[in-house]
N, C-alpha and C. Protein backbone atom coordinates (compact mmCIF):
# COMPACT_ATOMS: atom_id res chain seq x y z
N UNK A 1 12.42 9.30 -13.02
CA UNK A 1 11.08 9.43 -12.44
C UNK A 1 11.14 10.08 -11.06
N UNK A 2 12.01 9.58 -10.20
CA UNK A 2 12.21 10.19 -8.90
C UNK A 2 13.04 11.47 -9.10
N UNK A 3 12.87 12.57 -8.37
CA UNK A 3 12.12 12.67 -7.13
C UNK A 3 10.71 13.22 -7.26
N UNK A 4 10.23 13.50 -8.46
CA UNK A 4 8.91 14.11 -8.61
C UNK A 4 7.83 13.08 -8.93
N UNK A 5 8.14 11.82 -8.73
CA UNK A 5 7.21 10.74 -9.06
C UNK A 5 5.96 10.79 -8.20
N UNK A 6 4.83 10.39 -8.79
CA UNK A 6 3.58 10.21 -8.05
C UNK A 6 3.37 8.72 -7.74
N UNK A 7 4.41 7.92 -7.96
CA UNK A 7 4.31 6.48 -7.71
C UNK A 7 4.44 6.21 -6.21
N UNK A 8 3.62 5.27 -5.72
CA UNK A 8 3.61 4.90 -4.30
C UNK A 8 3.83 3.40 -4.17
N UNK A 9 4.89 3.02 -3.50
CA UNK A 9 5.18 1.61 -3.27
C UNK A 9 4.27 1.08 -2.18
N UNK A 10 3.58 -0.02 -2.46
CA UNK A 10 2.64 -0.63 -1.51
C UNK A 10 3.26 -1.91 -0.97
N UNK A 11 3.49 -1.94 0.32
CA UNK A 11 4.09 -3.08 1.00
C UNK A 11 3.13 -3.53 2.10
N UNK A 12 2.34 -4.56 1.80
CA UNK A 12 1.34 -5.03 2.75
C UNK A 12 1.00 -6.48 2.43
N UNK A 13 0.28 -7.17 3.32
CA UNK A 13 -0.17 -8.52 2.99
C UNK A 13 -1.18 -8.48 1.84
N UNK A 14 -1.26 -9.56 1.09
CA UNK A 14 -2.20 -9.63 -0.03
C UNK A 14 -3.14 -10.83 0.10
N UNK A 15 -3.26 -11.39 1.31
CA UNK A 15 -4.12 -12.56 1.49
C UNK A 15 -5.57 -12.13 1.69
N UNK A 16 -6.46 -13.11 1.73
CA UNK A 16 -7.89 -12.84 1.83
C UNK A 16 -8.26 -12.09 3.10
N UNK A 17 -7.61 -12.42 4.21
CA UNK A 17 -7.95 -11.78 5.48
C UNK A 17 -7.66 -10.28 5.45
N UNK A 18 -6.55 -9.92 4.83
CA UNK A 18 -6.14 -8.51 4.81
C UNK A 18 -6.78 -7.73 3.66
N UNK A 19 -7.44 -8.41 2.74
CA UNK A 19 -7.88 -7.79 1.48
C UNK A 19 -8.65 -6.48 1.65
N UNK A 20 -9.58 -6.33 2.61
CA UNK A 20 -10.27 -5.04 2.74
C UNK A 20 -9.31 -3.87 2.98
N UNK A 21 -8.26 -4.08 3.77
CA UNK A 21 -7.30 -3.01 4.03
C UNK A 21 -6.42 -2.77 2.80
N UNK A 22 -6.03 -3.83 2.13
CA UNK A 22 -5.24 -3.70 0.90
C UNK A 22 -6.03 -2.92 -0.15
N UNK A 23 -7.32 -3.23 -0.30
CA UNK A 23 -8.16 -2.48 -1.24
C UNK A 23 -8.29 -1.03 -0.80
N UNK A 24 -8.37 -0.79 0.50
CA UNK A 24 -8.47 0.58 1.01
C UNK A 24 -7.21 1.38 0.68
N UNK A 25 -6.05 0.74 0.80
CA UNK A 25 -4.79 1.42 0.47
C UNK A 25 -4.77 1.81 -1.00
N UNK A 26 -5.08 0.85 -1.87
CA UNK A 26 -5.03 1.12 -3.32
C UNK A 26 -6.06 2.19 -3.69
N UNK A 27 -7.26 2.09 -3.12
CA UNK A 27 -8.30 3.10 -3.41
C UNK A 27 -7.82 4.49 -3.02
N UNK A 28 -7.26 4.63 -1.84
CA UNK A 28 -6.82 5.94 -1.36
C UNK A 28 -5.72 6.51 -2.24
N UNK A 29 -4.79 5.68 -2.65
CA UNK A 29 -3.70 6.14 -3.52
C UNK A 29 -4.24 6.64 -4.85
N UNK A 30 -5.09 5.84 -5.48
CA UNK A 30 -5.63 6.22 -6.80
C UNK A 30 -6.54 7.44 -6.68
N UNK A 31 -7.43 7.44 -5.67
CA UNK A 31 -8.36 8.56 -5.49
C UNK A 31 -7.62 9.86 -5.20
N UNK A 32 -6.43 9.76 -4.64
CA UNK A 32 -5.64 10.95 -4.32
C UNK A 32 -4.79 11.43 -5.49
N UNK A 33 -4.86 10.72 -6.61
CA UNK A 33 -4.13 11.15 -7.80
C UNK A 33 -2.73 10.57 -7.90
N UNK A 34 -2.47 9.47 -7.21
CA UNK A 34 -1.17 8.82 -7.25
C UNK A 34 -1.28 7.46 -7.93
N UNK A 35 -0.16 6.79 -8.11
CA UNK A 35 -0.12 5.51 -8.81
C UNK A 35 0.40 4.44 -7.87
N UNK A 36 -0.42 3.42 -7.53
CA UNK A 36 0.06 2.34 -6.65
C UNK A 36 0.99 1.40 -7.41
N UNK A 37 2.07 0.99 -6.75
CA UNK A 37 3.04 0.06 -7.33
C UNK A 37 3.33 -1.04 -6.32
N UNK A 38 3.47 -2.26 -6.78
CA UNK A 38 3.87 -3.35 -5.90
C UNK A 38 4.38 -4.51 -6.73
N UNK A 39 4.89 -5.52 -6.04
CA UNK A 39 5.49 -6.66 -6.73
C UNK A 39 4.48 -7.45 -7.53
N UNK A 40 3.19 -7.28 -7.24
CA UNK A 40 2.15 -8.03 -7.95
C UNK A 40 1.72 -7.38 -9.26
N UNK A 41 2.32 -6.24 -9.61
CA UNK A 41 1.86 -5.55 -10.81
C UNK A 41 2.20 -6.28 -12.09
N UNK A 42 3.22 -7.15 -12.06
CA UNK A 42 3.55 -7.98 -13.22
C UNK A 42 3.79 -9.41 -12.74
N UNK A 43 3.57 -10.35 -13.63
CA UNK A 43 3.77 -11.77 -13.32
C UNK A 43 4.66 -12.36 -14.41
N UNK A 44 5.94 -12.21 -14.21
CA UNK A 44 6.93 -12.65 -15.19
C UNK A 44 7.85 -13.68 -14.53
N UNK A 45 7.68 -14.94 -14.91
CA UNK A 45 8.47 -16.00 -14.32
C UNK A 45 9.95 -15.89 -14.61
N UNK A 46 10.31 -15.09 -15.62
CA UNK A 46 11.72 -14.93 -15.96
C UNK A 46 12.38 -13.82 -15.16
N UNK A 47 11.58 -13.10 -14.34
CA UNK A 47 12.10 -11.97 -13.58
C UNK A 47 12.27 -12.34 -12.12
N UNK A 48 13.42 -12.05 -11.56
CA UNK A 48 13.68 -12.30 -10.15
C UNK A 48 12.83 -11.38 -9.28
N UNK A 49 12.06 -11.96 -8.35
CA UNK A 49 11.11 -11.16 -7.55
C UNK A 49 11.82 -10.10 -6.71
N UNK A 50 12.93 -10.48 -6.08
CA UNK A 50 13.64 -9.52 -5.24
C UNK A 50 14.14 -8.35 -6.07
N UNK A 51 14.70 -8.63 -7.25
CA UNK A 51 15.17 -7.55 -8.12
C UNK A 51 14.02 -6.65 -8.56
N UNK A 52 12.86 -7.28 -8.83
CA UNK A 52 11.70 -6.50 -9.24
C UNK A 52 11.27 -5.54 -8.13
N UNK A 53 11.25 -6.04 -6.89
CA UNK A 53 10.88 -5.20 -5.76
C UNK A 53 11.86 -4.04 -5.61
N UNK A 54 13.15 -4.33 -5.75
CA UNK A 54 14.17 -3.27 -5.65
C UNK A 54 13.97 -2.22 -6.73
N UNK A 55 13.67 -2.66 -7.95
CA UNK A 55 13.45 -1.72 -9.05
C UNK A 55 12.25 -0.81 -8.77
N UNK A 56 11.17 -1.41 -8.29
CA UNK A 56 9.96 -0.62 -8.02
C UNK A 56 10.22 0.37 -6.89
N UNK A 57 10.88 -0.07 -5.84
CA UNK A 57 11.22 0.83 -4.73
C UNK A 57 12.05 2.00 -5.25
N UNK A 58 13.00 1.72 -6.12
CA UNK A 58 13.85 2.78 -6.66
C UNK A 58 13.09 3.82 -7.46
N UNK A 59 11.93 3.43 -8.01
CA UNK A 59 11.15 4.32 -8.86
C UNK A 59 10.09 5.11 -8.08
N UNK A 60 9.90 4.79 -6.81
CA UNK A 60 8.80 5.38 -6.05
C UNK A 60 9.28 6.48 -5.10
N UNK A 61 8.60 7.58 -5.14
CA UNK A 61 8.88 8.71 -4.25
C UNK A 61 8.27 8.47 -2.87
N UNK A 62 7.15 7.72 -2.84
CA UNK A 62 6.41 7.50 -1.59
C UNK A 62 6.25 6.00 -1.35
N UNK A 63 6.02 5.63 -0.08
CA UNK A 63 5.82 4.24 0.27
C UNK A 63 4.79 4.09 1.38
N UNK A 64 3.98 3.04 1.26
CA UNK A 64 3.01 2.68 2.30
C UNK A 64 3.38 1.29 2.79
N UNK A 65 3.66 1.17 4.07
CA UNK A 65 4.12 -0.10 4.64
C UNK A 65 3.23 -0.50 5.81
N UNK A 66 2.65 -1.68 5.74
CA UNK A 66 1.88 -2.21 6.86
C UNK A 66 2.61 -3.43 7.40
N UNK A 67 3.12 -3.32 8.60
CA UNK A 67 3.91 -4.39 9.21
C UNK A 67 3.10 -5.13 10.27
N UNK A 68 1.77 -5.09 10.15
CA UNK A 68 0.91 -5.64 11.21
C UNK A 68 0.83 -7.16 11.19
N UNK A 69 1.18 -7.79 10.08
CA UNK A 69 1.01 -9.24 9.98
C UNK A 69 2.20 -9.97 10.59
N UNK A 70 2.08 -10.31 11.86
CA UNK A 70 3.18 -10.98 12.57
C UNK A 70 2.80 -12.38 13.04
N UNK A 71 1.55 -12.80 12.73
CA UNK A 71 1.10 -14.10 13.20
C UNK A 71 1.91 -15.23 12.56
N UNK A 72 2.03 -16.32 13.30
CA UNK A 72 2.71 -17.51 12.79
C UNK A 72 1.69 -18.44 12.14
N UNK A 73 2.09 -19.08 11.04
CA UNK A 73 1.25 -20.11 10.44
C UNK A 73 2.13 -21.16 9.78
N UNK A 74 1.51 -22.19 9.27
CA UNK A 74 2.26 -23.26 8.62
C UNK A 74 2.78 -24.28 9.61
N UNK A 75 3.51 -25.28 9.08
CA UNK A 75 4.10 -26.34 9.90
C UNK A 75 5.58 -26.46 9.55
N UNK A 76 6.49 -26.09 10.47
CA UNK A 76 6.21 -25.53 11.79
C UNK A 76 5.71 -24.09 11.67
N UNK A 77 5.00 -23.58 12.68
CA UNK A 77 4.46 -22.21 12.60
C UNK A 77 5.57 -21.17 12.61
N UNK A 78 5.57 -20.35 11.57
CA UNK A 78 6.58 -19.30 11.44
C UNK A 78 5.91 -18.00 10.99
N UNK A 79 6.45 -16.85 11.42
CA UNK A 79 5.91 -15.57 10.95
C UNK A 79 6.39 -15.27 9.53
N UNK A 80 5.74 -14.32 8.89
CA UNK A 80 6.14 -13.88 7.56
C UNK A 80 6.96 -12.59 7.68
N UNK A 81 8.10 -12.56 7.01
CA UNK A 81 9.01 -11.43 7.15
C UNK A 81 9.08 -10.56 5.89
N UNK A 82 8.22 -10.80 4.92
CA UNK A 82 8.30 -10.02 3.68
C UNK A 82 8.11 -8.53 3.91
N UNK A 83 7.13 -8.17 4.75
CA UNK A 83 6.84 -6.75 4.95
C UNK A 83 7.98 -6.03 5.66
N UNK A 84 8.53 -6.56 6.76
CA UNK A 84 9.70 -5.89 7.35
C UNK A 84 10.90 -5.84 6.42
N UNK A 85 11.09 -6.88 5.61
CA UNK A 85 12.20 -6.88 4.65
C UNK A 85 12.04 -5.74 3.65
N UNK A 86 10.84 -5.59 3.09
CA UNK A 86 10.62 -4.55 2.09
C UNK A 86 10.67 -3.16 2.70
N UNK A 87 10.23 -3.03 3.96
CA UNK A 87 10.40 -1.75 4.66
C UNK A 87 11.88 -1.43 4.82
N UNK A 88 12.67 -2.44 5.18
CA UNK A 88 14.11 -2.23 5.32
C UNK A 88 14.75 -1.82 4.01
N UNK A 89 14.34 -2.44 2.91
CA UNK A 89 14.87 -2.06 1.60
C UNK A 89 14.53 -0.60 1.29
N UNK A 90 13.30 -0.20 1.61
CA UNK A 90 12.86 1.17 1.33
C UNK A 90 13.65 2.18 2.15
N UNK A 91 13.82 1.90 3.45
CA UNK A 91 14.57 2.81 4.31
C UNK A 91 16.04 2.83 3.91
N UNK A 92 16.57 1.69 3.46
CA UNK A 92 17.94 1.65 2.98
C UNK A 92 18.14 2.47 1.72
N UNK A 93 17.16 2.41 0.82
CA UNK A 93 17.24 3.22 -0.41
C UNK A 93 17.25 4.70 -0.07
N UNK A 94 16.42 5.08 0.91
CA UNK A 94 16.38 6.49 1.32
C UNK A 94 17.70 6.92 1.96
N UNK A 95 18.28 6.04 2.76
CA UNK A 95 19.49 6.37 3.51
C UNK A 95 20.73 6.39 2.62
N UNK A 96 20.85 5.41 1.73
CA UNK A 96 22.10 5.24 1.00
C UNK A 96 21.98 5.45 -0.51
N UNK A 97 20.77 5.57 -1.03
CA UNK A 97 20.58 5.69 -2.47
C UNK A 97 21.01 7.04 -3.01
N UNK A 98 21.34 7.05 -4.30
CA UNK A 98 21.73 8.29 -5.00
C UNK A 98 20.57 8.77 -5.86
N UNK A 99 20.81 9.82 -6.63
CA UNK A 99 19.85 10.33 -7.62
C UNK A 99 18.49 10.66 -7.01
N UNK A 100 18.49 11.35 -5.89
CA UNK A 100 17.25 11.82 -5.29
C UNK A 100 16.55 10.83 -4.39
N UNK A 101 17.15 9.65 -4.14
CA UNK A 101 16.49 8.66 -3.28
C UNK A 101 16.30 9.18 -1.86
N UNK A 102 17.14 10.09 -1.44
CA UNK A 102 17.01 10.65 -0.10
C UNK A 102 15.74 11.44 0.11
N UNK A 103 15.03 11.78 -0.97
CA UNK A 103 13.77 12.51 -0.86
C UNK A 103 12.57 11.59 -0.64
N UNK A 104 12.83 10.30 -0.57
CA UNK A 104 11.74 9.37 -0.32
C UNK A 104 11.08 9.67 1.03
N UNK A 105 9.81 9.34 1.14
CA UNK A 105 9.12 9.37 2.43
C UNK A 105 8.13 8.21 2.47
N UNK A 106 7.81 7.77 3.67
CA UNK A 106 6.88 6.64 3.76
C UNK A 106 6.03 6.78 5.01
N UNK A 107 4.94 6.05 5.01
CA UNK A 107 4.06 5.94 6.17
C UNK A 107 4.05 4.47 6.57
N UNK A 108 4.13 4.21 7.88
CA UNK A 108 4.18 2.85 8.41
C UNK A 108 2.95 2.60 9.26
N UNK A 109 2.25 1.50 8.98
CA UNK A 109 1.06 1.14 9.72
C UNK A 109 1.29 -0.13 10.54
N UNK A 110 0.61 -0.20 11.67
CA UNK A 110 0.49 -1.43 12.45
C UNK A 110 -0.91 -1.42 13.06
N UNK A 111 -1.31 -2.54 13.63
CA UNK A 111 -2.63 -2.58 14.26
C UNK A 111 -2.68 -1.68 15.49
N UNK A 112 -1.60 -1.71 16.30
CA UNK A 112 -1.51 -0.89 17.50
C UNK A 112 -0.25 -0.03 17.39
N UNK A 113 -0.28 1.15 17.96
CA UNK A 113 0.78 2.13 17.74
C UNK A 113 2.16 1.67 18.21
N UNK A 114 2.24 1.01 19.34
CA UNK A 114 3.55 0.67 19.90
C UNK A 114 3.84 -0.83 19.89
N UNK A 115 2.98 -1.60 19.25
CA UNK A 115 3.15 -3.05 19.21
C UNK A 115 4.45 -3.45 18.52
N UNK A 116 4.85 -2.68 17.49
CA UNK A 116 6.04 -3.01 16.71
C UNK A 116 7.31 -3.08 17.57
N UNK A 117 7.30 -2.38 18.72
CA UNK A 117 8.49 -2.36 19.57
C UNK A 117 8.84 -3.73 20.13
N UNK A 118 7.86 -4.66 20.08
CA UNK A 118 8.11 -5.99 20.61
C UNK A 118 8.74 -6.92 19.56
N UNK A 119 8.71 -6.52 18.28
CA UNK A 119 9.23 -7.43 17.26
C UNK A 119 10.14 -6.77 16.24
N UNK A 120 10.23 -5.44 16.22
CA UNK A 120 11.12 -4.75 15.29
C UNK A 120 11.55 -3.43 15.92
N UNK A 121 12.19 -3.52 17.08
CA UNK A 121 12.51 -2.36 17.89
C UNK A 121 13.54 -1.44 17.24
N UNK A 122 14.24 -1.92 16.22
CA UNK A 122 15.26 -1.07 15.58
C UNK A 122 14.65 0.13 14.87
N UNK A 123 13.34 0.12 14.61
CA UNK A 123 12.73 1.30 13.97
C UNK A 123 12.07 2.20 15.01
N UNK A 124 12.42 2.02 16.27
CA UNK A 124 11.93 2.93 17.31
C UNK A 124 12.32 4.36 16.94
N UNK A 125 11.39 5.27 17.10
CA UNK A 125 11.62 6.64 16.67
C UNK A 125 10.88 6.97 15.40
N UNK A 126 10.48 5.94 14.63
CA UNK A 126 9.64 6.16 13.46
C UNK A 126 8.20 6.45 13.93
N UNK A 127 7.49 7.24 13.19
CA UNK A 127 6.08 7.47 13.49
C UNK A 127 5.27 6.30 12.95
N UNK A 128 4.65 5.54 13.82
CA UNK A 128 3.83 4.40 13.43
C UNK A 128 2.36 4.78 13.57
N UNK A 129 1.59 4.53 12.53
CA UNK A 129 0.16 4.84 12.53
C UNK A 129 -0.63 3.58 12.80
N UNK A 130 -1.51 3.61 13.79
CA UNK A 130 -2.33 2.45 14.15
C UNK A 130 -3.67 2.52 13.42
N UNK A 131 -4.00 1.44 12.68
CA UNK A 131 -5.29 1.41 11.98
C UNK A 131 -6.31 0.53 12.69
N UNK A 132 -5.87 -0.30 13.64
CA UNK A 132 -6.80 -1.13 14.39
C UNK A 132 -7.59 -2.10 13.55
N UNK A 133 -7.12 -2.38 12.33
CA UNK A 133 -7.85 -3.27 11.44
C UNK A 133 -9.05 -2.63 10.78
N UNK A 134 -9.17 -1.31 10.89
CA UNK A 134 -10.33 -0.56 10.38
C UNK A 134 -9.93 0.17 9.10
N UNK A 135 -10.57 -0.17 7.98
CA UNK A 135 -10.23 0.43 6.69
C UNK A 135 -10.46 1.94 6.70
N UNK A 136 -11.53 2.40 7.35
CA UNK A 136 -11.83 3.83 7.37
C UNK A 136 -10.74 4.60 8.10
N UNK A 137 -10.23 4.04 9.19
CA UNK A 137 -9.15 4.70 9.94
C UNK A 137 -7.89 4.75 9.09
N UNK A 138 -7.58 3.64 8.43
CA UNK A 138 -6.41 3.61 7.55
C UNK A 138 -6.51 4.67 6.46
N UNK A 139 -7.66 4.76 5.82
CA UNK A 139 -7.87 5.74 4.74
C UNK A 139 -7.67 7.16 5.27
N UNK A 140 -8.20 7.45 6.44
CA UNK A 140 -8.08 8.81 6.99
C UNK A 140 -6.61 9.18 7.22
N UNK A 141 -5.84 8.26 7.79
CA UNK A 141 -4.42 8.51 8.03
C UNK A 141 -3.65 8.64 6.72
N UNK A 142 -3.92 7.73 5.78
CA UNK A 142 -3.16 7.72 4.53
C UNK A 142 -3.47 8.93 3.67
N UNK A 143 -4.73 9.32 3.59
CA UNK A 143 -5.10 10.50 2.79
C UNK A 143 -4.45 11.76 3.35
N UNK A 144 -4.47 11.91 4.67
CA UNK A 144 -3.85 13.09 5.29
C UNK A 144 -2.35 13.10 5.02
N UNK A 145 -1.73 11.92 5.09
CA UNK A 145 -0.28 11.84 4.86
C UNK A 145 0.07 12.16 3.41
N UNK A 146 -0.68 11.63 2.46
CA UNK A 146 -0.41 11.92 1.05
C UNK A 146 -0.60 13.41 0.75
N UNK A 147 -1.62 14.01 1.34
CA UNK A 147 -1.87 15.44 1.12
C UNK A 147 -0.73 16.28 1.70
N UNK A 148 -0.26 15.90 2.88
CA UNK A 148 0.81 16.64 3.53
C UNK A 148 2.13 16.48 2.79
N UNK A 149 2.48 15.24 2.45
CA UNK A 149 3.77 14.98 1.81
C UNK A 149 3.86 15.58 0.42
N UNK A 150 2.78 15.53 -0.32
CA UNK A 150 2.79 16.04 -1.70
C UNK A 150 2.46 17.52 -1.77
N UNK A 151 1.92 18.06 -0.67
CA UNK A 151 1.44 19.45 -0.66
C UNK A 151 0.42 19.68 -1.77
N UNK A 152 -0.39 18.67 -2.01
CA UNK A 152 -1.39 18.74 -3.07
C UNK A 152 -2.76 18.96 -2.44
N UNK A 153 -3.32 20.16 -2.55
CA UNK A 153 -4.61 20.44 -1.91
C UNK A 153 -5.77 19.70 -2.56
N UNK A 154 -5.54 19.08 -3.72
CA UNK A 154 -6.62 18.36 -4.40
C UNK A 154 -6.86 16.97 -3.79
N UNK A 155 -5.99 16.52 -2.90
CA UNK A 155 -6.21 15.24 -2.23
C UNK A 155 -7.37 15.41 -1.25
N UNK A 156 -8.46 14.65 -1.42
CA UNK A 156 -9.63 14.83 -0.56
C UNK A 156 -9.36 14.42 0.89
N UNK A 157 -10.25 14.84 1.77
CA UNK A 157 -10.16 14.42 3.16
C UNK A 157 -10.44 12.94 3.30
N UNK A 158 -9.84 12.33 4.31
CA UNK A 158 -9.96 10.90 4.48
C UNK A 158 -11.36 10.44 4.84
N UNK A 159 -12.11 11.21 5.59
CA UNK A 159 -13.45 10.78 5.98
C UNK A 159 -14.39 10.72 4.78
N UNK A 160 -14.29 11.71 3.92
CA UNK A 160 -15.08 11.68 2.69
C UNK A 160 -14.63 10.52 1.81
N UNK A 161 -13.33 10.32 1.74
CA UNK A 161 -12.80 9.25 0.91
C UNK A 161 -13.22 7.88 1.42
N UNK A 162 -13.29 7.73 2.74
CA UNK A 162 -13.74 6.45 3.31
C UNK A 162 -15.19 6.16 2.92
N UNK A 163 -16.01 7.18 2.86
CA UNK A 163 -17.39 6.99 2.41
C UNK A 163 -17.42 6.58 0.94
N UNK A 164 -16.58 7.21 0.13
CA UNK A 164 -16.51 6.87 -1.29
C UNK A 164 -16.02 5.43 -1.46
N UNK A 165 -15.07 5.01 -0.62
CA UNK A 165 -14.55 3.65 -0.69
C UNK A 165 -15.65 2.64 -0.39
N UNK A 166 -16.46 2.92 0.61
CA UNK A 166 -17.55 2.00 0.96
C UNK A 166 -18.52 1.84 -0.20
N UNK A 167 -18.81 2.94 -0.89
CA UNK A 167 -19.71 2.88 -2.05
C UNK A 167 -19.07 2.06 -3.17
N UNK A 168 -17.80 2.29 -3.41
CA UNK A 168 -17.10 1.55 -4.47
C UNK A 168 -17.07 0.06 -4.16
N UNK A 169 -16.75 -0.30 -2.93
CA UNK A 169 -16.68 -1.72 -2.57
C UNK A 169 -18.04 -2.39 -2.72
N UNK A 170 -19.11 -1.65 -2.43
CA UNK A 170 -20.45 -2.22 -2.60
C UNK A 170 -20.79 -2.41 -4.07
N UNK A 171 -20.21 -1.55 -4.91
CA UNK A 171 -20.46 -1.61 -6.36
C UNK A 171 -19.54 -2.61 -7.06
N UNK A 172 -18.44 -2.96 -6.42
CA UNK A 172 -17.40 -3.79 -7.05
C UNK A 172 -17.91 -5.11 -7.61
N UNK A 173 -18.77 -5.86 -6.89
CA UNK A 173 -19.25 -7.13 -7.47
C UNK A 173 -19.94 -6.95 -8.82
N UNK A 174 -20.69 -5.88 -8.98
CA UNK A 174 -21.36 -5.60 -10.25
C UNK A 174 -20.32 -5.28 -11.32
N UNK A 175 -19.32 -4.49 -10.96
CA UNK A 175 -18.27 -4.13 -11.91
C UNK A 175 -17.49 -5.38 -12.34
N UNK A 176 -17.24 -6.27 -11.40
CA UNK A 176 -16.51 -7.50 -11.73
C UNK A 176 -17.31 -8.38 -12.68
N UNK A 177 -18.61 -8.47 -12.45
CA UNK A 177 -19.44 -9.25 -13.38
C UNK A 177 -19.39 -8.67 -14.78
N UNK A 178 -19.33 -7.34 -14.86
CA UNK A 178 -19.23 -6.70 -16.17
C UNK A 178 -17.94 -7.02 -16.89
N UNK A 179 -16.89 -7.34 -16.11
CA UNK A 179 -15.60 -7.72 -16.69
C UNK A 179 -15.42 -9.25 -16.72
N UNK A 180 -16.49 -9.97 -16.37
CA UNK A 180 -16.45 -11.44 -16.35
C UNK A 180 -15.33 -11.96 -15.44
N UNK A 181 -15.23 -11.35 -14.26
CA UNK A 181 -14.22 -11.74 -13.28
C UNK A 181 -14.89 -12.21 -12.00
N UNK A 182 -14.37 -13.30 -11.45
CA UNK A 182 -14.82 -13.77 -10.15
C UNK A 182 -14.03 -13.01 -9.08
N UNK A 183 -14.66 -12.62 -7.97
CA UNK A 183 -13.93 -11.88 -6.92
C UNK A 183 -12.69 -12.61 -6.43
N UNK A 184 -12.71 -13.94 -6.45
CA UNK A 184 -11.58 -14.71 -5.94
C UNK A 184 -10.37 -14.66 -6.86
N UNK A 185 -10.55 -14.26 -8.13
CA UNK A 185 -9.44 -14.28 -9.08
C UNK A 185 -8.93 -12.88 -9.45
N UNK A 186 -9.49 -11.85 -8.84
CA UNK A 186 -9.10 -10.49 -9.21
C UNK A 186 -7.64 -10.24 -8.80
N UNK A 187 -6.87 -9.69 -9.72
CA UNK A 187 -5.46 -9.39 -9.47
C UNK A 187 -5.28 -7.92 -9.08
N UNK A 188 -4.07 -7.59 -8.68
CA UNK A 188 -3.73 -6.19 -8.39
C UNK A 188 -4.02 -5.31 -9.60
N UNK A 189 -3.61 -5.79 -10.78
CA UNK A 189 -3.85 -5.03 -12.01
C UNK A 189 -5.32 -4.88 -12.32
N UNK A 190 -6.10 -5.96 -12.11
CA UNK A 190 -7.55 -5.90 -12.35
C UNK A 190 -8.19 -4.85 -11.45
N UNK A 191 -7.89 -4.93 -10.16
CA UNK A 191 -8.51 -4.02 -9.20
C UNK A 191 -8.17 -2.57 -9.52
N UNK A 192 -6.90 -2.32 -9.81
CA UNK A 192 -6.47 -0.96 -10.09
C UNK A 192 -7.13 -0.43 -11.35
N UNK A 193 -7.18 -1.25 -12.40
CA UNK A 193 -7.77 -0.81 -13.67
C UNK A 193 -9.26 -0.52 -13.53
N UNK A 194 -9.97 -1.40 -12.82
CA UNK A 194 -11.41 -1.19 -12.61
C UNK A 194 -11.65 0.04 -11.76
N UNK A 195 -10.82 0.26 -10.76
CA UNK A 195 -10.94 1.44 -9.90
C UNK A 195 -10.71 2.72 -10.69
N UNK A 196 -9.66 2.75 -11.51
CA UNK A 196 -9.37 3.94 -12.32
C UNK A 196 -10.53 4.23 -13.26
N UNK A 197 -11.07 3.19 -13.89
CA UNK A 197 -12.20 3.37 -14.80
C UNK A 197 -13.42 3.91 -14.05
N UNK A 198 -13.68 3.36 -12.88
CA UNK A 198 -14.82 3.80 -12.06
C UNK A 198 -14.68 5.26 -11.66
N UNK A 199 -13.51 5.67 -11.21
CA UNK A 199 -13.31 7.05 -10.77
C UNK A 199 -13.33 8.01 -11.96
N UNK A 200 -12.82 7.58 -13.09
CA UNK A 200 -12.79 8.44 -14.28
C UNK A 200 -14.19 8.67 -14.82
N UNK A 201 -14.99 7.61 -14.85
CA UNK A 201 -16.34 7.74 -15.38
C UNK A 201 -17.28 8.41 -14.40
N UNK A 202 -16.93 8.32 -13.10
CA UNK A 202 -17.80 8.91 -12.08
C UNK A 202 -17.69 10.41 -12.06
């Protein structure tokens, strides 16, 4: 599949607070003609999660990484390290992988452009894109990056795409009712399938 794959590895939080940005990432990838991939695409209790993530990373030509979630929670309060870990796996695959893995490219997001230097300074020198928690800003950066990396002129501009995303999100509750799904139970697969159907029929 690599190096000509249109698959995009998505590495971001999946909790309720981050959901608007997560939906924006998936929307931008699908609307741009690519395929979003992440660890949530299958739910197989017999499959090791770490191995599954490694397999998906190996199959993806592109990656979207949001390392903005650094807050501590729980008892005792601890940060979550899944996103930096998966970014490290992706960069390691690019650096040391065979069979075209060196052609990988990725975009890295944080809330503020230089904030990452306080908690993951080893990636200093990487271009970090700041979204400020704004889905429209994230879409604009991601769409431009996908268009540039793929050299695909059919990828729409981010500002137009952000408007389309807002319309889709407003329509989503109606679409979910049509599929007899509650918004609280929608999975990665559900969202992607409904989005593809919406864009295809539109």
